[in-house]
Amino acid sequence: MSAMSRLDLDLTELGRLATQAAAFETPTARREALNTVFAECGERASAYYCPDAAAADFVRWVTLDYQGARRATRESAGAPDA
């Protein structure tokens, strides 16, 4: 598998996991799920040429996916923006 294909697959899967983490009801459950996603970022980053940079990029993208999913959840529930 090419590096770009692997990157696309990893970002897609990690984004899906982050979106799932955002859907949990309680903050504690969301935190635990997000910690698992962050650990997965580190695991997947080990396959790249510069694992530290790859892990940092994965965490950035996961965070953006998580924030977007939380925002959408709050907006659909009618909660005020915080």
N, C-alpha and C. Protein backbone atom coordinates (compact mmCIF):
# COMPACT_ATOMS: atom_id res chain seq x y z
N MET A 1 0.85 -1.17 0.00
CA MET A 1 0.00 0.00 0.00
C MET A 1 0.89 1.23 0.00
N SER A 2 0.54 2.20 -0.81
CA SER A 2 1.35 3.42 -0.88
C SER A 2 1.16 4.24 0.39
N ALA A 3 2.10 5.12 0.64
CA ALA A 3 2.03 5.96 1.83
C ALA A 3 0.80 6.86 1.82
N MET A 4 0.44 7.38 0.67
CA MET A 4 -0.74 8.26 0.58
C MET A 4 -2.02 7.47 0.82
N SER A 5 -2.08 6.26 0.32
CA SER A 5 -3.26 5.43 0.56
C SER A 5 -3.39 5.09 2.04
N ARG A 6 -2.25 4.77 2.66
CA ARG A 6 -2.25 4.46 4.08
C ARG A 6 -2.67 5.68 4.89
N LEU A 7 -2.15 6.85 4.52
CA LEU A 7 -2.51 8.08 5.22
C LEU A 7 -4.01 8.35 5.10
N ASP A 8 -4.55 8.21 3.90
CA ASP A 8 -5.98 8.43 3.69
C ASP A 8 -6.80 7.46 4.53
N LEU A 9 -6.41 6.20 4.52
CA LEU A 9 -7.12 5.18 5.30
C LEU A 9 -7.03 5.48 6.80
N ASP A 10 -5.84 5.84 7.28
CA ASP A 10 -5.67 6.13 8.70
C ASP A 10 -6.49 7.35 9.12
N LEU A 11 -6.45 8.41 8.34
CA LEU A 11 -7.21 9.61 8.68
C LEU A 11 -8.72 9.35 8.68
N THR A 12 -9.17 8.56 7.72
CA THR A 12 -10.59 8.23 7.66
C THR A 12 -11.02 7.42 8.88
N GLU A 13 -10.25 6.41 9.21
CA GLU A 13 -10.59 5.55 10.35
C GLU A 13 -10.48 6.31 11.67
N LEU A 14 -9.44 7.10 11.85
CA LEU A 14 -9.28 7.86 13.08
C LEU A 14 -10.39 8.91 13.22
N GLY A 15 -10.77 9.52 12.12
CA GLY A 15 -11.88 10.47 12.14
C GLY A 15 -13.19 9.81 12.53
N ARG A 16 -13.41 8.61 12.04
CA ARG A 16 -14.61 7.86 12.41
C ARG A 16 -14.61 7.55 13.90
N LEU A 17 -13.47 7.15 14.43
CA LEU A 17 -13.36 6.87 15.86
C LEU A 17 -13.59 8.13 16.70
N ALA A 18 -13.07 9.26 16.25
CA ALA A 18 -13.27 10.52 16.96
C ALA A 18 -14.73 10.93 16.95
N THR A 19 -15.40 10.73 15.83
CA THR A 19 -16.82 11.05 15.74
C THR A 19 -17.64 10.15 16.66
N GLN A 20 -17.26 8.89 16.75
CA GLN A 20 -17.94 7.99 17.68
C GLN A 20 -17.71 8.42 19.13
N ALA A 21 -16.49 8.85 19.43
CA ALA A 21 -16.18 9.30 20.79
C ALA A 21 -17.02 10.52 21.17
N ALA A 22 -17.28 11.38 20.21
CA ALA A 22 -18.06 12.59 20.47
C ALA A 22 -19.52 12.29 20.76
N ALA A 23 -19.99 11.13 20.39
CA ALA A 23 -21.40 10.79 20.54
C ALA A 23 -21.76 10.26 21.93
N PHE A 24 -20.77 9.96 22.76
CA PHE A 24 -21.08 9.44 24.09
C PHE A 24 -21.79 10.49 24.93
N GLU A 25 -22.63 10.03 25.84
CA GLU A 25 -23.47 10.92 26.64
C GLU A 25 -22.69 11.73 27.68
N THR A 26 -21.80 11.07 28.41
CA THR A 26 -21.14 11.74 29.52
C THR A 26 -19.74 12.22 29.14
N PRO A 27 -19.30 13.30 29.78
CA PRO A 27 -17.93 13.77 29.52
C PRO A 27 -16.87 12.73 29.83
N THR A 28 -17.09 11.95 30.88
CA THR A 28 -16.12 10.91 31.26
C THR A 28 -16.01 9.86 30.17
N ALA A 29 -17.13 9.43 29.64
CA ALA A 29 -17.11 8.43 28.57
C ALA A 29 -16.46 8.99 27.32
N ARG A 30 -16.74 10.25 27.01
CA ARG A 30 -16.11 10.88 25.83
C ARG A 30 -14.60 10.99 26.02
N ARG A 31 -14.17 11.37 27.23
CA ARG A 31 -12.74 11.49 27.50
C ARG A 31 -12.04 10.14 27.35
N GLU A 32 -12.64 9.10 27.92
CA GLU A 32 -12.03 7.77 27.82
C GLU A 32 -11.94 7.30 26.37
N ALA A 33 -13.01 7.53 25.62
CA ALA A 33 -13.00 7.13 24.22
C ALA A 33 -11.98 7.94 23.43
N LEU A 34 -11.88 9.22 23.73
CA LEU A 34 -10.91 10.06 23.01
C LEU A 34 -9.48 9.68 23.38
N ASN A 35 -9.23 9.30 24.63
CA ASN A 35 -7.90 8.82 25.01
C ASN A 35 -7.53 7.58 24.21
N THR A 36 -8.49 6.71 23.99
CA THR A 36 -8.25 5.52 23.17
C THR A 36 -7.92 5.90 21.74
N VAL A 37 -8.61 6.89 21.21
CA VAL A 37 -8.34 7.35 19.85
C VAL A 37 -6.94 7.95 19.77
N PHE A 38 -6.56 8.75 20.78
CA PHE A 38 -5.22 9.33 20.78
C PHE A 38 -4.14 8.25 20.85
N ALA A 39 -4.39 7.20 21.62
CA ALA A 39 -3.44 6.08 21.67
C ALA A 39 -3.34 5.41 20.31
N GLU A 40 -4.46 5.29 19.63
CA GLU A 40 -4.46 4.70 18.28
C GLU A 40 -3.68 5.58 17.31
N CYS A 41 -3.74 6.89 17.50
CA CYS A 41 -2.94 7.80 16.67
C CYS A 41 -1.46 7.46 16.78
N GLY A 42 -1.00 7.24 18.00
CA GLY A 42 0.40 6.89 18.21
C GLY A 42 0.76 5.55 17.60
N GLU A 43 -0.14 4.59 17.73
CA GLU A 43 0.11 3.27 17.14
C GLU A 43 0.23 3.35 15.62
N ARG A 44 -0.70 4.05 15.00
CA ARG A 44 -0.69 4.15 13.55
C ARG A 44 0.48 4.99 13.05
N ALA A 45 0.88 5.97 13.83
CA ALA A 45 1.99 6.84 13.42
C ALA A 45 3.31 6.09 13.34
N SER A 46 3.43 5.00 14.07
CA SER A 46 4.69 4.25 14.08
C SER A 46 5.02 3.66 12.71
N ALA A 47 4.05 3.61 11.81
CA ALA A 47 4.30 3.05 10.48
C ALA A 47 4.87 4.08 9.50
N TYR A 48 4.99 5.31 9.93
CA TYR A 48 5.43 6.39 9.03
C TYR A 48 6.89 6.73 9.26
N TYR A 49 7.47 7.45 8.30
CA TYR A 49 8.89 7.79 8.32
C TYR A 49 9.26 8.60 9.56
N CYS A 50 8.44 9.56 9.91
CA CYS A 50 8.68 10.40 11.10
C CYS A 50 7.48 10.24 12.04
N PRO A 51 7.53 9.24 12.91
CA PRO A 51 6.36 8.93 13.74
C PRO A 51 5.90 10.10 14.63
N ASP A 52 6.84 10.89 15.14
CA ASP A 52 6.44 12.00 16.02
C ASP A 52 5.59 13.02 15.27
N ALA A 53 6.03 13.37 14.07
CA ALA A 53 5.28 14.34 13.27
C ALA A 53 3.95 13.75 12.82
N ALA A 54 3.96 12.47 12.46
CA ALA A 54 2.72 11.82 12.03
C ALA A 54 1.71 11.76 13.18
N ALA A 55 2.18 11.43 14.38
CA ALA A 55 1.29 11.38 15.54
C ALA A 55 0.70 12.75 15.83
N ALA A 56 1.53 13.79 15.77
CA ALA A 56 1.04 15.14 16.02
C ALA A 56 -0.01 15.53 14.98
N ASP A 57 0.23 15.19 13.72
CA ASP A 57 -0.75 15.50 12.67
C ASP A 57 -2.04 14.71 12.88
N PHE A 58 -1.93 13.45 13.23
CA PHE A 58 -3.12 12.64 13.48
C PHE A 58 -3.94 13.23 14.62
N VAL A 59 -3.27 13.62 15.70
CA VAL A 59 -3.98 14.19 16.84
C VAL A 59 -4.68 15.49 16.44
N ARG A 60 -4.02 16.32 15.63
CA ARG A 60 -4.66 17.55 15.15
C ARG A 60 -5.93 17.25 14.37
N TRP A 61 -5.85 16.31 13.45
CA TRP A 61 -7.02 15.98 12.63
C TRP A 61 -8.13 15.33 13.45
N VAL A 62 -7.74 14.46 14.37
CA VAL A 62 -8.73 13.81 15.24
C VAL A 62 -9.45 14.86 16.09
N THR A 63 -8.69 15.81 16.61
CA THR A 63 -9.28 16.87 17.42
C THR A 63 -10.29 17.68 16.63
N LEU A 64 -9.94 18.01 15.39
CA LEU A 64 -10.87 18.76 14.54
C LEU A 64 -12.14 17.95 14.26
N ASP A 65 -11.98 16.66 13.97
CA ASP A 65 -13.15 15.81 13.73
C ASP A 65 -14.02 15.72 14.98
N TYR A 66 -13.38 15.57 16.13
CA TYR A 66 -14.11 15.48 17.39
C TYR A 66 -14.88 16.78 17.66
N GLN A 67 -14.21 17.92 17.50
CA GLN A 67 -14.85 19.21 17.74
C GLN A 67 -16.05 19.41 16.81
N GLY A 68 -15.88 19.07 15.55
CA GLY A 68 -16.98 19.20 14.61
C GLY A 68 -18.17 18.33 14.98
N ALA A 69 -17.88 17.12 15.40
CA ALA A 69 -18.96 16.19 15.79
C ALA A 69 -19.66 16.68 17.06
N ARG A 70 -18.90 17.19 18.02
CA ARG A 70 -19.52 17.71 19.25
C ARG A 70 -20.38 18.93 18.93
N ARG A 71 -19.86 19.80 18.08
CA ARG A 71 -20.62 21.00 17.71
C ARG A 71 -21.94 20.60 17.04
N ALA A 72 -21.87 19.65 16.14
CA ALA A 72 -23.09 19.18 15.46
C ALA A 72 -24.06 18.55 16.45
N THR A 73 -23.54 17.81 17.43
CA THR A 73 -24.40 17.19 18.43
C THR A 73 -25.09 18.25 19.27
N ARG A 74 -24.34 19.25 19.71
CA ARG A 74 -24.94 20.31 20.52
C ARG A 74 -25.96 21.10 19.73
N GLU A 75 -25.66 21.40 18.48
CA GLU A 75 -26.59 22.17 17.66
C GLU A 75 -27.86 21.39 17.39
N SER A 76 -27.74 20.10 17.17
CA SER A 76 -28.94 19.30 16.90
C SER A 76 -29.80 19.15 18.16
N ALA A 77 -29.16 19.27 19.33
CA ALA A 77 -29.90 19.17 20.58
C ALA A 77 -30.46 20.53 21.01
N GLY A 78 -30.08 21.58 20.28
CA GLY A 78 -30.59 22.91 20.60
C GLY A 78 -29.85 23.59 21.72
N ALA A 79 -28.69 23.08 22.08
CA ALA A 79 -27.90 23.70 23.14
C ALA A 79 -27.25 24.97 22.63
N PRO A 80 -27.08 25.96 23.49
CA PRO A 80 -26.41 27.19 23.06
C PRO A 80 -24.94 26.95 22.79
N ASP A 81 -24.38 27.74 21.90
CA ASP A 81 -22.95 27.64 21.62
C ASP A 81 -22.16 28.02 22.86
N ALA A 82 -21.11 27.25 23.11
CA ALA A 82 -20.27 27.55 24.27
C ALA A 82 -18.87 27.85 23.82
